[in-house]
Amino acid sequence: MKFLNLIRCAFGLAAASLLVSCGGGGAESRPVDIGPFTWYAGVKATFTISGGTGPFQLSSSEPGLMPLPLVIGGRTLDVVPNQPGVVDSGLPPGSLQVRTVNVTARSAEGLVSTAVIKVAQNFLTGYGMRVLASTCTGAGAVVCTGGETAFSFDSTFNGILYQGHQFRFEKVRGPFQFVDPLNMNNLVDVVTVIADHEGQFTVVIRVATGIPAQTALFKVTDLVTGAYTFRSFIIATSTTTTTLTLIPDKISLTGADATVCGGGTSDVLVFDGVPPYSIICPDPRTLAASPTSTTQPGRFTVNVGVQAPGSCLDNVPCVILDANGARAILGITTTVGAAATPPAPITVAPTTLTLTCGASGAVTVVGGTGTYSAASSSTRVSATVSGNTVTITRLNGDGATVVPTPVTVTITDGASVGSVAVTVPPNCP
């Protein structure tokens, strides 16, 4: 009986082949010149036996590293190599750390072929993570209820930087979500990031409020090799250190004359918090147009009713909260006019503006009491007051929202009103 010549077998990340060939009336070899090939630890690979007659006997030179059944009846086999603890000697510095395994297949006719496979250490195995920043307080509290934490990862192994690799993060367990790096206002259960030129990548986790301490778990997958690992962390019940910033942080309105307290409408912007925001104005003389704001920054329109002398507001509070419970106090004060006759009405110049996406324009206000507040008819156009200057901005980040146009910005001193007609794009991505 003639023996089959030794032939080499094709192995890849997705598939591999070990060929045994036999012809009628005698053995005929069909050599295949492909290789060498590398498998990654922890990643399933498939090899196919072609030629010869089954069943096939299999053997591995490293059964602990690459366990194989003694016999298979078919021609394909899925294999998941284990992580090599010891690698081949003499590997060059900075090279991929591999362990060589010889896999032998014997056909029913006694034909034999051997494939040389290099099992590479999977750099995700034993992967670590470190905390870059966290809003949590308390000893050891790196992830907490209502907080945000940034985790950093390093995909460098034995001097090789895996820059440009895509990594997918998937929530497995716990009341947290990932901050979408393409839209910081979006929270998602699955996010993909790319390692930078230093082989590093970062993901930000936000935890829901009002939940008990517990263990959370997520999965990290290298999309290039398919290798993955799981990471766990403890969610503590610490609070966050966020302090909200209000612009303006006080509203002051003066009446037209000594017979009336000031009243009017003012926009308030909220920064440095986590939406959605909410506002509570316990005094019935003050009213917010909407109790919540889902934008970033937050925006509330506060209406202050006109009152008779003796009923003016003296630093009456409205409480503004963010999603994590951080708060700020908006103080509202109204006073009667100092003159027996009304002051001259306010004058605004210019009375029209045209703004592009993200652009700002300023108008000047004169006359009246000298203390002004402003409100916009659109949530995507902000108006802030500094002295006698009102800055009007067309905000970006509308998403798919189409903003009604035109937009009117109303300015008041509590006694008289001026307005600015603002022409803006209907959508600013």
Protein backbone atom coordinates (compact mmCIF):
# COMPACT_ATOMS: atom_id res chain seq x y z
CA MET A 1 0.00 0.00 0.00
CA LYS A 2 1.31 3.40 -0.92
CA PHE A 3 1.42 6.16 1.72
CA LEU A 4 0.21 9.67 1.16
CA ASN A 5 2.93 12.31 1.03
CA LEU A 6 2.86 14.80 3.93
CA ILE A 7 0.93 17.94 2.97
CA ARG A 8 0.42 21.19 4.78
CA CYS A 9 -2.96 22.42 6.02
CA ALA A 10 -4.59 25.79 5.82
CA PHE A 11 -5.65 27.37 9.08
CA GLY A 12 -7.10 30.89 9.55
CA LEU A 13 -9.06 32.86 12.14
CA ALA A 14 -12.37 31.84 10.61
CA ALA A 15 -11.49 28.48 9.02
CA ALA A 16 -8.67 26.04 8.39
CA SER A 17 -8.16 22.95 6.28
CA LEU A 18 -6.17 19.78 6.64
CA LEU A 19 -6.17 17.76 3.41
CA VAL A 20 -5.80 14.00 2.95
CA SER A 21 -6.14 12.70 -0.63
CA CYS A 22 -6.59 9.22 -2.07
CA GLY A 23 -7.14 8.00 -5.69
CA GLY A 24 -8.62 4.75 -7.02
CA GLY A 25 -6.22 1.87 -7.43
CA GLY A 26 -3.52 3.62 -5.43
CA ALA A 27 -2.62 6.70 -3.36
CA GLU A 28 -2.19 10.05 -5.07
CA SER A 29 -1.08 13.14 -3.13
CA ARG A 30 -2.44 16.60 -3.83
CA PRO A 31 -0.06 19.01 -2.01
CA VAL A 32 -1.36 22.38 -0.78
CA ASP A 33 1.22 25.09 -0.21
CA ILE A 34 -0.45 27.53 2.23
CA GLY A 35 0.78 28.73 5.62
CA PRO A 36 1.87 29.33 8.27
CA PHE A 37 -1.36 30.07 10.18
CA THR A 38 -2.28 31.52 13.55
CA TRP A 39 -5.25 31.00 15.84
CA TYR A 40 -6.15 33.29 18.74
CA ALA A 41 -6.83 31.84 22.16
CA GLY A 42 -10.50 31.92 23.11
CA VAL A 43 -11.67 32.40 19.50
CA LYS A 44 -13.51 29.57 17.75
CA ALA A 45 -11.93 28.31 14.53
CA THR A 46 -13.02 25.55 12.14
CA PHE A 47 -10.87 23.21 10.07
CA THR A 48 -12.04 20.90 7.31
CA ILE A 49 -10.59 17.53 6.30
CA SER A 50 -10.81 16.85 2.56
CA GLY A 51 -9.79 13.63 0.90
CA GLY A 52 -9.42 10.24 2.45
CA THR A 53 -12.15 8.19 4.10
CA GLY A 54 -13.56 8.68 7.59
CA PRO A 55 -13.73 8.18 10.43
CA PHE A 56 -10.60 10.22 11.17
CA GLN A 57 -8.33 9.85 14.17
CA LEU A 58 -7.00 13.13 15.61
CA SER A 59 -4.15 13.93 17.95
CA SER A 60 -2.68 17.13 19.36
CA SER A 61 0.87 17.71 20.51
CA GLU A 62 -0.54 20.08 23.17
CA PRO A 63 -3.82 18.48 24.34
CA GLY A 64 -4.11 20.92 27.24
CA LEU A 65 -3.77 23.90 24.93
CA MET A 66 -5.78 22.50 22.01
CA PRO A 67 -7.99 19.59 23.15
CA LEU A 68 -9.28 17.37 20.32
CA PRO A 69 -11.59 14.33 20.22
CA LEU A 70 -9.89 11.04 19.44
CA VAL A 71 -12.16 10.29 16.47
CA ILE A 72 -14.55 12.34 14.31
CA GLY A 73 -16.98 10.90 11.80
CA GLY A 74 -17.41 14.07 9.78
CA ARG A 75 -14.96 16.31 8.01
CA THR A 76 -15.27 19.53 10.05
CA LEU A 77 -14.47 20.37 13.65
CA ASP A 78 -14.87 23.57 15.69
CA VAL A 79 -11.97 24.22 18.05
CA VAL A 80 -11.48 26.91 20.73
CA PRO A 81 -7.81 26.96 21.79
CA ASN A 82 -7.01 27.71 25.40
CA GLN A 83 -4.79 30.55 26.52
CA PRO A 84 -1.10 29.55 26.31
CA GLY A 85 0.68 30.16 29.60
CA VAL A 86 4.07 29.38 28.05
CA VAL A 87 5.11 30.55 24.56
CA ASP A 88 7.73 29.36 22.09
CA SER A 89 11.31 30.17 22.98
CA GLY A 90 13.39 32.46 20.79
CA LEU A 91 10.56 34.74 19.68
CA PRO A 92 11.84 38.18 18.57
CA PRO A 93 11.15 41.12 20.94
CA GLY A 94 7.79 42.71 20.25
CA SER A 95 6.50 39.78 18.20
CA LEU A 96 3.17 38.07 18.69
CA GLN A 97 3.46 35.61 21.58
CA VAL A 98 2.53 32.14 20.26
CA ARG A 99 2.75 28.46 21.19
CA THR A 100 3.23 25.96 18.33
CA VAL A 101 0.90 22.95 18.23
CA ASN A 102 1.07 20.00 15.79
CA VAL A 103 -2.33 18.54 14.86
CA THR A 104 -2.30 15.12 13.15
CA ALA A 105 -5.18 13.47 11.25
CA ARG A 106 -5.23 9.80 10.19
CA SER A 107 -7.81 8.50 7.69
CA ALA A 108 -9.42 5.05 7.70
CA GLU A 109 -6.92 4.00 5.02
CA GLY A 110 -4.04 4.97 7.30
CA LEU A 111 -3.16 8.15 5.41
CA VAL A 112 -1.64 10.80 7.68
CA SER A 113 -1.28 14.57 7.45
CA THR A 114 0.02 17.05 10.04
CA ALA A 115 -0.80 20.74 10.36
CA VAL A 116 1.37 23.23 12.27
CA ILE A 117 -0.77 25.74 14.17
CA LYS A 118 0.46 28.69 16.19
CA VAL A 119 -1.86 29.56 19.09
CA ALA A 120 -1.47 33.25 19.94
CA GLN A 121 -1.98 34.68 23.37
CA ASN A 122 -5.15 36.74 23.27
CA PHE A 123 -4.40 40.26 24.52
CA LEU A 124 -7.98 40.65 25.81
CA THR A 125 -7.42 37.79 28.23
CA GLY A 126 -6.37 39.23 31.56
CA TYR A 127 -7.27 42.69 30.28
CA GLY A 128 -7.34 45.43 32.88
CA MET A 129 -9.16 48.72 33.16
CA ARG A 130 -8.49 51.88 35.12
CA VAL A 131 -10.62 54.84 36.17
CA LEU A 132 -9.79 58.13 34.45
CA ALA A 133 -12.40 60.29 36.18
CA SER A 134 -15.54 59.96 38.27
CA THR A 135 -18.18 62.26 39.72
CA CYS A 136 -18.60 59.93 42.72
CA THR A 137 -17.55 60.74 46.26
CA GLY A 138 -16.67 58.58 49.22
CA ALA A 139 -13.79 56.23 49.89
CA GLY A 140 -13.44 53.66 47.12
CA ALA A 141 -16.58 54.83 45.28
CA VAL A 142 -15.52 54.93 41.63
CA VAL A 143 -18.97 54.06 40.24
CA CYS A 144 -22.05 55.26 42.08
CA THR A 145 -25.77 55.77 41.76
CA GLY A 146 -26.49 58.89 39.73
CA GLY A 147 -22.82 59.29 38.77
CA GLU A 148 -20.61 59.19 35.69
CA THR A 149 -17.31 57.31 35.44
CA ALA A 150 -14.77 57.18 32.60
CA PHE A 151 -12.89 53.87 32.18
CA SER A 152 -9.65 53.69 30.17
CA PHE A 153 -8.26 50.57 28.51
CA ASP A 154 -4.85 49.81 27.03
CA SER A 155 -4.65 47.44 24.05
CA THR A 156 -0.85 47.17 24.07
CA PHE A 157 0.68 43.69 24.34
CA ASN A 158 4.39 42.88 24.40
CA GLY A 159 5.30 46.17 22.73
CA ILE A 160 2.66 45.93 20.01
CA LEU A 161 0.13 48.77 19.91
CA TYR A 162 -3.25 47.67 18.63
CA GLN A 163 -4.19 51.12 17.39
CA GLY A 164 -7.22 51.47 15.16
CA HIS A 165 -8.95 48.36 16.50
CA GLN A 166 -12.68 48.64 17.13
CA PHE A 167 -14.00 47.48 20.48
CA ARG A 168 -17.65 46.84 21.30
CA PHE A 169 -18.99 47.33 24.83
CA GLU A 170 -22.22 45.56 25.78
CA LYS A 171 -24.14 45.89 29.03
CA VAL A 172 -24.71 42.49 30.61
CA ARG A 173 -26.02 43.33 34.09
CA GLY A 174 -26.75 46.43 36.14
CA PRO A 175 -28.69 49.75 35.99
CA PHE A 176 -26.12 51.62 33.91
CA GLN A 177 -25.67 52.74 30.31
CA PHE A 178 -22.84 53.92 28.08
CA VAL A 179 -22.60 57.53 26.91
CA ASP A 180 -22.71 57.59 23.11
CA PRO A 181 -19.41 59.21 21.98
CA LEU A 182 -21.15 60.51 18.83
CA ASN A 183 -23.94 62.21 20.80
CA MET A 184 -23.24 62.86 24.47
CA ASN A 185 -26.96 63.27 25.20
CA ASN A 186 -27.68 59.66 24.17
CA LEU A 187 -27.41 56.72 26.57
CA VAL A 188 -27.06 53.27 24.97
CA ASP A 189 -26.66 49.63 26.04
CA VAL A 190 -24.11 48.88 23.30
CA VAL A 191 -21.36 51.20 22.07
CA THR A 192 -18.37 50.84 19.73
CA VAL A 193 -15.11 52.75 20.26
CA ILE A 194 -11.80 52.84 18.38
CA ALA A 195 -8.33 52.61 19.94
CA ASP A 196 -6.23 55.71 19.31
CA HIS A 197 -2.65 55.82 17.97
CA GLU A 198 -1.38 54.90 21.44
CA GLY A 199 -3.55 51.80 21.54
CA GLN A 200 -5.84 53.30 24.20
CA PHE A 201 -9.59 53.75 24.27
CA THR A 202 -12.10 55.13 26.76
CA VAL A 203 -15.74 54.54 27.58
CA VAL A 204 -18.02 56.59 29.87
CA ILE A 205 -20.63 54.88 32.07
CA ARG A 206 -23.63 56.65 33.58
CA VAL A 207 -25.57 54.98 36.42
CA ALA A 208 -29.25 55.48 37.15
CA THR A 209 -30.34 57.24 40.35
CA GLY A 210 -32.16 55.75 43.31
CA ILE A 211 -30.91 52.17 43.06
CA PRO A 212 -29.23 50.01 45.74
CA ALA A 213 -25.55 49.08 45.74
CA GLN A 214 -24.84 46.09 43.50
CA THR A 215 -22.40 44.41 41.11
CA ALA A 216 -22.57 45.29 37.41
CA LEU A 217 -21.06 43.53 34.41
CA PHE A 218 -20.21 44.39 30.82
CA LYS A 219 -18.59 42.59 27.88
CA VAL A 220 -15.72 43.93 25.76
CA THR A 221 -15.20 42.46 22.28
CA ASP A 222 -12.30 43.13 19.91
CA LEU A 223 -14.11 43.29 16.57
CA VAL A 224 -10.93 42.51 14.61
CA THR A 225 -10.31 39.07 16.17
CA GLY A 226 -13.66 38.39 17.79
CA ALA A 227 -11.97 37.92 21.17
CA TYR A 228 -13.96 39.10 24.16
CA THR A 229 -13.76 39.40 27.92
CA PHE A 230 -16.07 40.38 30.77
CA ARG A 231 -15.43 43.09 33.35
CA SER A 232 -17.31 43.72 36.58
CA PHE A 233 -17.49 46.71 38.90
CA ILE A 234 -19.28 47.69 42.09
CA ILE A 235 -21.99 50.38 42.01
CA ALA A 236 -21.87 52.25 45.32
CA THR A 237 -24.57 54.49 46.79
CA SER A 238 -22.35 57.59 46.87
CA THR A 239 -23.63 60.95 45.74
CA THR A 240 -22.14 63.09 43.00
CA THR A 241 -20.17 66.29 43.33
CA THR A 242 -21.94 68.13 40.52
CA THR A 243 -22.94 71.75 41.20
CA LEU A 244 -25.41 73.33 38.81
CA THR A 245 -24.73 76.71 37.24
CA LEU A 246 -27.67 79.01 36.42
CA ILE A 247 -27.60 81.92 33.96
CA PRO A 248 -29.01 84.13 35.33
CA ASP A 249 -28.97 82.88 38.94
CA LYS A 250 -31.27 85.74 40.05
CA ILE A 251 -34.24 87.50 38.46
CA SER A 252 -34.91 91.14 39.42
CA LEU A 253 -37.92 93.01 38.01
CA THR A 254 -38.93 96.61 38.73
CA GLY A 255 -42.44 98.01 38.34
CA ALA A 256 -43.38 100.82 35.99
CA ASP A 257 -44.00 103.20 38.90
CA ALA A 258 -44.53 103.27 42.64
CA THR A 259 -48.00 101.76 42.32
CA VAL A 260 -47.00 98.33 41.00
CA CYS A 261 -44.38 95.61 41.56
CA GLY A 262 -42.39 94.42 38.57
CA GLY A 263 -43.46 91.39 36.56
CA GLY A 264 -42.50 89.64 33.33
CA THR A 265 -40.89 86.59 31.74
CA SER A 266 -37.28 85.40 31.85
CA ASP A 267 -35.36 82.44 30.42
CA VAL A 268 -32.97 80.56 32.73
CA LEU A 269 -30.22 78.28 31.37
CA VAL A 270 -28.86 75.36 33.43
CA PHE A 271 -25.27 74.11 32.99
CA ASP A 272 -22.96 71.45 34.52
CA GLY A 273 -25.71 68.93 35.25
CA VAL A 274 -27.26 65.80 33.80
CA PRO A 275 -30.64 66.08 32.02
CA PRO A 276 -33.53 65.83 32.43
CA TYR A 277 -33.79 68.90 34.65
CA SER A 278 -36.81 69.88 36.74
CA ILE A 279 -37.92 73.12 38.39
CA ILE A 280 -40.11 73.69 41.46
CA CYS A 281 -41.48 77.18 42.19
CA PRO A 282 -43.50 76.92 45.43
CA ASP A 283 -44.69 80.56 45.44
CA PRO A 284 -47.91 80.86 43.35
CA ARG A 285 -46.81 84.30 42.10
CA THR A 286 -44.10 82.54 40.04
CA LEU A 287 -44.75 79.91 37.38
CA ALA A 288 -42.47 77.90 35.04
CA ALA A 289 -43.83 77.38 31.54
CA SER A 290 -42.69 73.72 31.72
CA PRO A 291 -41.71 71.74 34.86
CA THR A 292 -39.00 69.74 33.02
CA SER A 293 -36.26 70.29 30.44
CA THR A 294 -34.53 67.49 28.52
CA THR A 295 -32.06 69.71 26.65
CA GLN A 296 -28.40 70.32 27.43
CA PRO A 297 -28.03 72.97 28.70
CA GLY A 298 -31.40 72.92 30.43
CA ARG A 299 -33.78 75.79 29.73
CA PHE A 300 -36.75 77.10 31.74
CA THR A 301 -39.05 80.04 31.07
CA VAL A 302 -40.19 81.62 34.33
CA ASN A 303 -43.25 83.91 34.45
CA VAL A 304 -43.57 86.41 37.31
CA GLY A 305 -46.97 87.99 37.87
CA VAL A 306 -47.45 91.72 38.44
CA GLN A 307 -48.38 92.47 42.06
CA ALA A 308 -49.61 95.48 44.00
CA PRO A 309 -47.27 97.28 46.44
CA GLY A 310 -46.88 95.23 49.62
CA SER A 311 -46.93 91.94 47.63
CA CYS A 312 -43.57 92.24 45.89
CA LEU A 313 -41.30 89.20 45.89
CA ASP A 314 -38.22 89.24 48.13
CA ASN A 315 -35.72 86.64 46.87
CA VAL A 316 -38.46 84.04 46.42
CA PRO A 317 -36.79 80.71 45.48
CA CYS A 318 -37.33 78.31 42.61
CA VAL A 319 -35.42 75.03 43.03
CA ILE A 320 -33.81 73.48 39.93
CA LEU A 321 -32.70 69.81 40.03
CA ASP A 322 -30.86 67.57 37.59
CA ALA A 323 -31.23 63.80 37.05
CA ASN A 324 -28.66 63.06 39.77
CA GLY A 325 -30.30 65.23 42.42
CA ALA A 326 -27.81 68.11 42.18
CA ARG A 327 -29.62 71.40 42.72
CA ALA A 328 -29.38 75.17 42.47
CA ILE A 329 -31.62 77.97 43.76
CA LEU A 330 -33.00 80.68 41.48
CA GLY A 331 -33.88 83.79 43.51
CA ILE A 332 -36.69 86.08 42.24
CA THR A 333 -37.11 89.67 43.47
CA THR A 334 -39.60 92.30 42.35
CA THR A 335 -39.81 95.94 43.45
CA VAL A 336 -42.03 98.92 42.78
CA GLY A 337 -40.82 101.71 40.51
CA ALA A 338 -39.06 104.64 42.13
CA ALA A 339 -40.83 107.35 40.13
CA ALA A 340 -44.42 108.46 40.43
CA THR A 341 -44.68 108.35 36.64
CA PRO A 342 -43.57 105.46 34.42
CA PRO A 343 -40.04 105.61 33.01
CA ALA A 344 -39.53 105.80 29.26
CA PRO A 345 -40.23 102.49 27.49
CA ILE A 346 -37.23 100.34 26.68
CA THR A 347 -35.66 100.51 23.22
CA VAL A 348 -33.95 97.54 21.55
CA ALA A 349 -31.46 97.85 18.69
CA PRO A 350 -31.23 96.16 16.32
CA THR A 351 -34.72 94.67 16.21
CA THR A 352 -33.79 91.94 13.69
CA LEU A 353 -31.00 89.36 13.58
CA THR A 354 -29.99 86.61 11.16
CA LEU A 355 -27.99 83.74 12.70
CA THR A 356 -26.37 80.63 11.27
CA CYS A 357 -26.03 77.35 13.19
CA GLY A 358 -24.01 77.89 16.37
CA ALA A 359 -23.71 81.63 15.78
CA SER A 360 -24.47 84.40 18.26
CA GLY A 361 -25.57 88.00 17.88
CA ALA A 362 -26.00 90.85 20.37
CA VAL A 363 -28.60 93.60 20.76
CA THR A 364 -28.47 96.64 23.03
CA VAL A 365 -31.28 97.66 25.37
CA VAL A 366 -31.70 101.21 26.72
CA GLY A 367 -34.38 102.97 28.71
CA GLY A 368 -36.81 101.59 31.23
CA THR A 369 -35.58 100.75 34.72
CA GLY A 370 -32.18 99.53 33.54
CA THR A 371 -32.74 95.95 34.79
CA TYR A 372 -33.72 93.56 32.01
CA SER A 373 -34.67 89.93 31.41
CA ALA A 374 -35.15 88.04 28.14
CA ALA A 375 -37.13 85.05 26.85
CA SER A 376 -37.08 83.21 23.50
CA SER A 377 -40.05 81.66 21.70
CA SER A 378 -37.84 78.69 20.68
CA THR A 379 -36.01 76.18 22.87
CA ARG A 380 -33.20 76.08 20.28
CA VAL A 381 -32.50 79.82 20.46
CA SER A 382 -31.09 81.08 23.77
CA ALA A 383 -31.07 84.64 25.10
CA THR A 384 -28.87 85.78 28.00
CA VAL A 385 -28.65 89.24 29.56
CA SER A 386 -25.51 91.01 30.75
CA GLY A 387 -26.07 94.63 31.72
CA ASN A 388 -27.81 96.30 28.78
CA THR A 389 -26.59 93.66 26.25
CA VAL A 390 -28.66 90.64 25.25
CA THR A 391 -26.73 87.82 23.51
CA ILE A 392 -28.86 85.60 21.26
CA THR A 393 -27.49 82.20 20.10
CA ARG A 394 -28.74 79.58 17.63
CA LEU A 395 -27.86 76.29 19.34
CA ASN A 396 -26.54 73.19 17.56
CA GLY A 397 -27.61 69.62 18.22
CA ASP A 398 -31.23 69.56 17.01
CA GLY A 399 -30.98 65.99 15.78
CA ALA A 400 -34.00 65.41 13.55
CA THR A 401 -35.99 68.25 15.10
CA VAL A 402 -37.22 71.05 12.85
CA VAL A 403 -37.53 74.35 14.72
CA PRO A 404 -40.51 76.61 13.97
CA THR A 405 -39.41 79.90 12.41
CA PRO A 406 -39.34 82.85 12.73
CA VAL A 407 -38.18 83.13 16.36
CA THR A 408 -39.02 86.08 18.61
CA VAL A 409 -36.89 87.11 21.59
CA THR A 410 -38.82 89.26 24.09
CA ILE A 411 -36.97 91.64 26.43
CA THR A 412 -38.57 93.37 29.42
CA ASP A 413 -37.67 95.49 32.42
CA GLY A 414 -40.87 94.55 34.26
CA ALA A 415 -42.78 97.56 32.97
CA SER A 416 -42.30 97.72 29.20
CA VAL A 417 -41.42 95.18 26.51
CA GLY A 418 -39.21 95.12 23.41
CA SER A 419 -38.64 92.34 20.92
CA VAL A 420 -36.13 91.05 18.36
CA ALA A 421 -37.16 89.06 15.26
CA VAL A 422 -34.52 86.34 14.72
CA THR A 423 -34.10 84.52 11.41
CA VAL A 424 -32.43 81.12 11.92
CA PRO A 425 -32.02 77.80 10.08
CA PRO A 426 -34.90 75.40 10.84
CA ASN A 427 -32.45 72.60 11.70
CA CYS A 428 -28.90 72.59 13.11
CA PRO A 429 -27.41 69.06 13.45
